[in-house]
Amino acid sequence: MLRSKFWQALFAIGPIAMLFLGMIAYFIFLFFIFNNMDDFNHSSGNYSASLILGNLSVFLIFIFLAVLISIGSLVFYIVHAANNPNLRENNMLLVWILLFIFANGIGQLIYWIIEIVNKRDKEIISG
């Protein structure tokens, strides 16, 4: 699983893609709430909570999925860096793990580009 191109790309791009999709969905949600402001102003005050909180369950499921992908990405790339023989000779292993923890999402993407994609191209050229 650590050498699978699919899982490497999913866990590198997944957290950032979920962030952008979440932001787009949030702005769409706000757009629909602000479109319904006329209904709030012209009603007698007896409007249902589903009008305001209509799609909250969708957001909660989306947030739960984003957290799972983010934690999965963190664990996947820490294990990948620990098993990377190129990082064992110097302090880069510690630097990468700290980058994964403190810059979650972007750290995994940078590691994927620098340590996996670029090294894969060099192995193909020399091999």
C-alpha atoms as a PDB file:
ATOM      1  CA  MET A   1       0.000   0.000   0.000  1.00  0.00           C
ATOM      2  CA  LEU A   2       2.897   2.385   0.663  1.00  0.00           C
ATOM      3  CA  ARG A   3       4.147   1.981  -2.915  1.00  0.00           C
ATOM      4  CA  SER A   4       0.744   2.347  -4.572  1.00  0.00           C
ATOM      5  CA  LYS A   5       0.592   5.455  -6.741  1.00  0.00           C
ATOM      6  CA  PHE A   6      -3.151   5.758  -6.153  1.00  0.00           C
ATOM      7  CA  TRP A   7      -2.931   5.889  -2.350  1.00  0.00           C
ATOM      8  CA  GLN A   8       0.077   8.200  -2.434  1.00  0.00           C
ATOM      9  CA  ALA A   9      -1.731  10.673  -4.671  1.00  0.00           C
ATOM     10  CA  LEU A  10      -5.029  10.376  -2.766  1.00  0.00           C
ATOM     11  CA  PHE A  11      -3.444  11.056   0.601  1.00  0.00           C
ATOM     12  CA  ALA A  12      -1.320  13.900  -0.805  1.00  0.00           C
ATOM     13  CA  ILE A  13      -4.078  15.721  -2.678  1.00  0.00           C
ATOM     14  CA  GLY A  14      -7.066  14.621  -0.574  1.00  0.00           C
ATOM     15  CA  PRO A  15      -6.767  16.989   2.414  1.00  0.00           C
ATOM     16  CA  ILE A  16      -6.271  20.070   0.241  1.00  0.00           C
ATOM     17  CA  ALA A  17      -9.067  19.035  -2.123  1.00  0.00           C
ATOM     18  CA  MET A  18     -11.397  18.526   0.844  1.00  0.00           C
ATOM     19  CA  LEU A  19     -10.498  22.000   2.112  1.00  0.00           C
ATOM     20  CA  PHE A  20     -11.383  23.645  -1.195  1.00  0.00           C
ATOM     21  CA  LEU A  21     -14.543  21.571  -1.648  1.00  0.00           C
ATOM     22  CA  GLY A  22     -15.586  22.453   1.891  1.00  0.00           C
ATOM     23  CA  MET A  23     -15.073  26.154   1.261  1.00  0.00           C
ATOM     24  CA  ILE A  24     -17.093  26.010  -1.958  1.00  0.00           C
ATOM     25  CA  ALA A  25     -19.893  24.088  -0.232  1.00  0.00           C
ATOM     26  CA  TYR A  26     -19.886  26.576   2.656  1.00  0.00           C
ATOM     27  CA  PHE A  27     -20.272  29.543   0.302  1.00  0.00           C
ATOM     28  CA  ILE A  28     -23.086  27.767  -1.550  1.00  0.00           C
ATOM     29  CA  PHE A  29     -24.765  27.130   1.813  1.00  0.00           C
ATOM     30  CA  LEU A  30     -24.434  30.818   2.736  1.00  0.00           C
ATOM     31  CA  PHE A  31     -25.826  31.813  -0.660  1.00  0.00           C
ATOM     32  CA  PHE A  32     -28.961  29.738  -0.085  1.00  0.00           C
ATOM     33  CA  ILE A  33     -29.359  31.079   3.456  1.00  0.00           C
ATOM     34  CA  PHE A  34     -29.123  34.681   2.243  1.00  0.00           C
ATOM     35  CA  ASN A  35     -31.554  33.934  -0.595  1.00  0.00           C
ATOM     36  CA  ASN A  36     -34.113  32.839   1.999  1.00  0.00           C
ATOM     37  CA  MET A  37     -33.825  36.061   4.017  1.00  0.00           C
ATOM     38  CA  ASP A  38     -37.019  37.384   2.424  1.00  0.00           C
ATOM     39  CA  ASP A  39     -38.853  34.347   3.794  1.00  0.00           C
ATOM     40  CA  PHE A  40     -37.532  35.158   7.265  1.00  0.00           C
ATOM     41  CA  ASN A  41     -38.589  38.817   7.073  1.00  0.00           C
ATOM     42  CA  HIS A  42     -42.102  38.243   5.711  1.00  0.00           C
ATOM     43  CA  SER A  43     -43.050  35.297   7.888  1.00  0.00           C
ATOM     44  CA  SER A  44     -44.949  35.572  11.138  1.00  0.00           C
ATOM     45  CA  GLY A  45     -41.983  34.272  13.108  1.00  0.00           C
ATOM     46  CA  ASN A  46     -43.062  30.635  12.973  1.00  0.00           C
ATOM     47  CA  TYR A  47     -40.528  29.203  10.574  1.00  0.00           C
ATOM     48  CA  SER A  48     -39.141  25.758  11.021  1.00  0.00           C
ATOM     49  CA  ALA A  49     -35.595  25.021  12.050  1.00  0.00           C
ATOM     50  CA  SER A  50     -35.145  22.979   8.895  1.00  0.00           C
ATOM     51  CA  LEU A  51     -35.262  26.193   6.889  1.00  0.00           C
ATOM     52  CA  ILE A  52     -32.218  27.474   8.750  1.00  0.00           C
ATOM     53  CA  LEU A  53     -30.388  24.214   9.455  1.00  0.00           C
ATOM     54  CA  GLY A  54     -31.488  22.344   6.351  1.00  0.00           C
ATOM     55  CA  ASN A  55     -28.209  20.860   5.236  1.00  0.00           C
ATOM     56  CA  LEU A  56     -26.309  20.744   8.502  1.00  0.00           C
ATOM     57  CA  SER A  57     -26.150  16.943   8.452  1.00  0.00           C
ATOM     58  CA  VAL A  58     -24.456  17.062   5.043  1.00  0.00           C
ATOM     59  CA  PHE A  59     -21.817  19.412   6.469  1.00  0.00           C
ATOM     60  CA  LEU A  60     -21.256  17.202   9.495  1.00  0.00           C
ATOM     61  CA  ILE A  61     -20.732  14.151   7.285  1.00  0.00           C
ATOM     62  CA  PHE A  62     -18.397  16.161   5.052  1.00  0.00           C
ATOM     63  CA  ILE A  63     -16.390  17.400   8.049  1.00  0.00           C
ATOM     64  CA  PHE A  64     -16.152  13.862   9.451  1.00  0.00           C
ATOM     65  CA  LEU A  65     -14.914  12.589   6.079  1.00  0.00           C
ATOM     66  CA  ALA A  66     -12.371  15.430   5.832  1.00  0.00           C
ATOM     67  CA  VAL A  67     -11.039  14.659   9.317  1.00  0.00           C
ATOM     68  CA  LEU A  68     -10.713  10.959   8.459  1.00  0.00           C
ATOM     69  CA  ILE A  69      -8.831  11.729   5.239  1.00  0.00           C
ATOM     70  CA  SER A  70      -6.567  14.196   7.031  1.00  0.00           C
ATOM     71  CA  ILE A  71      -5.680  11.790   9.855  1.00  0.00           C
ATOM     72  CA  GLY A  72      -5.253   8.929   7.380  1.00  0.00           C
ATOM     73  CA  SER A  73      -2.948  11.095   5.292  1.00  0.00           C
ATOM     74  CA  LEU A  74      -0.911  12.045   8.354  1.00  0.00           C
ATOM     75  CA  VAL A  75      -0.438   8.416   9.443  1.00  0.00           C
ATOM     76  CA  PHE A  76       0.240   7.211   5.890  1.00  0.00           C
ATOM     77  CA  TYR A  77       2.966   9.755   5.229  1.00  0.00           C
ATOM     78  CA  ILE A  78       4.621   9.398   8.647  1.00  0.00           C
ATOM     79  CA  VAL A  79       4.892   5.640   8.034  1.00  0.00           C
ATOM     80  CA  HIS A  80       6.109   6.278   4.484  1.00  0.00           C
ATOM     81  CA  ALA A  81       8.794   8.718   5.668  1.00  0.00           C
ATOM     82  CA  ALA A  82       9.904   6.336   8.435  1.00  0.00           C
ATOM     83  CA  ASN A  83      10.360   3.564   5.856  1.00  0.00           C
ATOM     84  CA  ASN A  84      12.141   5.824   3.347  1.00  0.00           C
ATOM     85  CA  PRO A  85      15.826   4.754   3.248  1.00  0.00           C
ATOM     86  CA  ASN A  86      16.908   8.133   1.825  1.00  0.00           C
ATOM     87  CA  LEU A  87      15.850   9.911   5.020  1.00  0.00           C
ATOM     88  CA  ARG A  88      17.575   7.635   7.536  1.00  0.00           C
ATOM     89  CA  GLU A  89      21.100   9.019   7.104  1.00  0.00           C
ATOM     90  CA  ASN A  90      20.334  12.623   8.080  1.00  0.00           C
ATOM     91  CA  ASN A  91      17.870  14.694  10.089  1.00  0.00           C
ATOM     92  CA  MET A  92      15.412  15.055   7.219  1.00  0.00           C
ATOM     93  CA  LEU A  93      13.164  12.369   8.706  1.00  0.00           C
ATOM     94  CA  LEU A  94      12.550  14.535  11.769  1.00  0.00           C
ATOM     95  CA  VAL A  95      12.044  17.615   9.592  1.00  0.00           C
ATOM     96  CA  TRP A  96       9.473  15.846   7.409  1.00  0.00           C
ATOM     97  CA  ILE A  97       7.547  14.447  10.382  1.00  0.00           C
ATOM     98  CA  LEU A  98       7.415  17.877  12.025  1.00  0.00           C
ATOM     99  CA  LEU A  99       6.265  19.347   8.712  1.00  0.00           C
ATOM    100  CA  PHE A 100       3.509  16.728   8.494  1.00  0.00           C
ATOM    101  CA  ILE A 101       2.308  17.559  11.995  1.00  0.00           C
ATOM    102  CA  PHE A 102       2.497  21.356  11.882  1.00  0.00           C
ATOM    103  CA  ALA A 103       1.623  21.899   8.208  1.00  0.00           C
ATOM    104  CA  ASN A 104      -0.936  19.145   7.801  1.00  0.00           C
ATOM    105  CA  GLY A 105      -2.145  18.818   4.229  1.00  0.00           C
ATOM    106  CA  ILE A 106       0.422  20.996   2.515  1.00  0.00           C
ATOM    107  CA  GLY A 107       3.294  19.074   4.149  1.00  0.00           C
ATOM    108  CA  GLN A 108       2.090  15.798   2.671  1.00  0.00           C
ATOM    109  CA  LEU A 109       1.708  17.392  -0.757  1.00  0.00           C
ATOM    110  CA  ILE A 110       5.242  18.813  -0.648  1.00  0.00           C
ATOM    111  CA  TYR A 111       6.657  15.447   0.494  1.00  0.00           C
ATOM    112  CA  TRP A 112       4.783  13.646  -2.273  1.00  0.00           C
ATOM    113  CA  ILE A 113       6.155  16.008  -4.912  1.00  0.00           C
ATOM    114  CA  ILE A 114       9.748  16.159  -3.638  1.00  0.00           C
ATOM    115  CA  GLU A 115      10.412  12.708  -2.205  1.00  0.00           C
ATOM    116  CA  ILE A 116       8.122  10.434  -4.209  1.00  0.00           C
ATOM    117  CA  VAL A 117       7.355  11.874  -7.648  1.00  0.00           C
ATOM    118  CA  ASN A 118      10.818  13.339  -8.263  1.00  0.00           C
ATOM    119  CA  LYS A 119      12.627  10.225  -6.960  1.00  0.00           C
ATOM    120  CA  ARG A 120      10.401   7.971  -9.068  1.00  0.00           C
ATOM    121  CA  ASP A 121      11.388   9.880 -12.211  1.00  0.00           C
ATOM    122  CA  LYS A 122      15.107   9.581 -11.338  1.00  0.00           C
ATOM    123  CA  GLU A 123      14.781   5.811 -10.792  1.00  0.00           C
ATOM    124  CA  ILE A 124      13.157   5.402 -14.214  1.00  0.00           C
ATOM    125  CA  ILE A 125      15.877   7.439 -15.946  1.00  0.00           C
ATOM    126  CA  SER A 126      18.772   5.618 -14.268  1.00  0.00           C
ATOM    127  CA  GLY A 127      17.139   2.178 -14.405  1.00  0.00           C
END
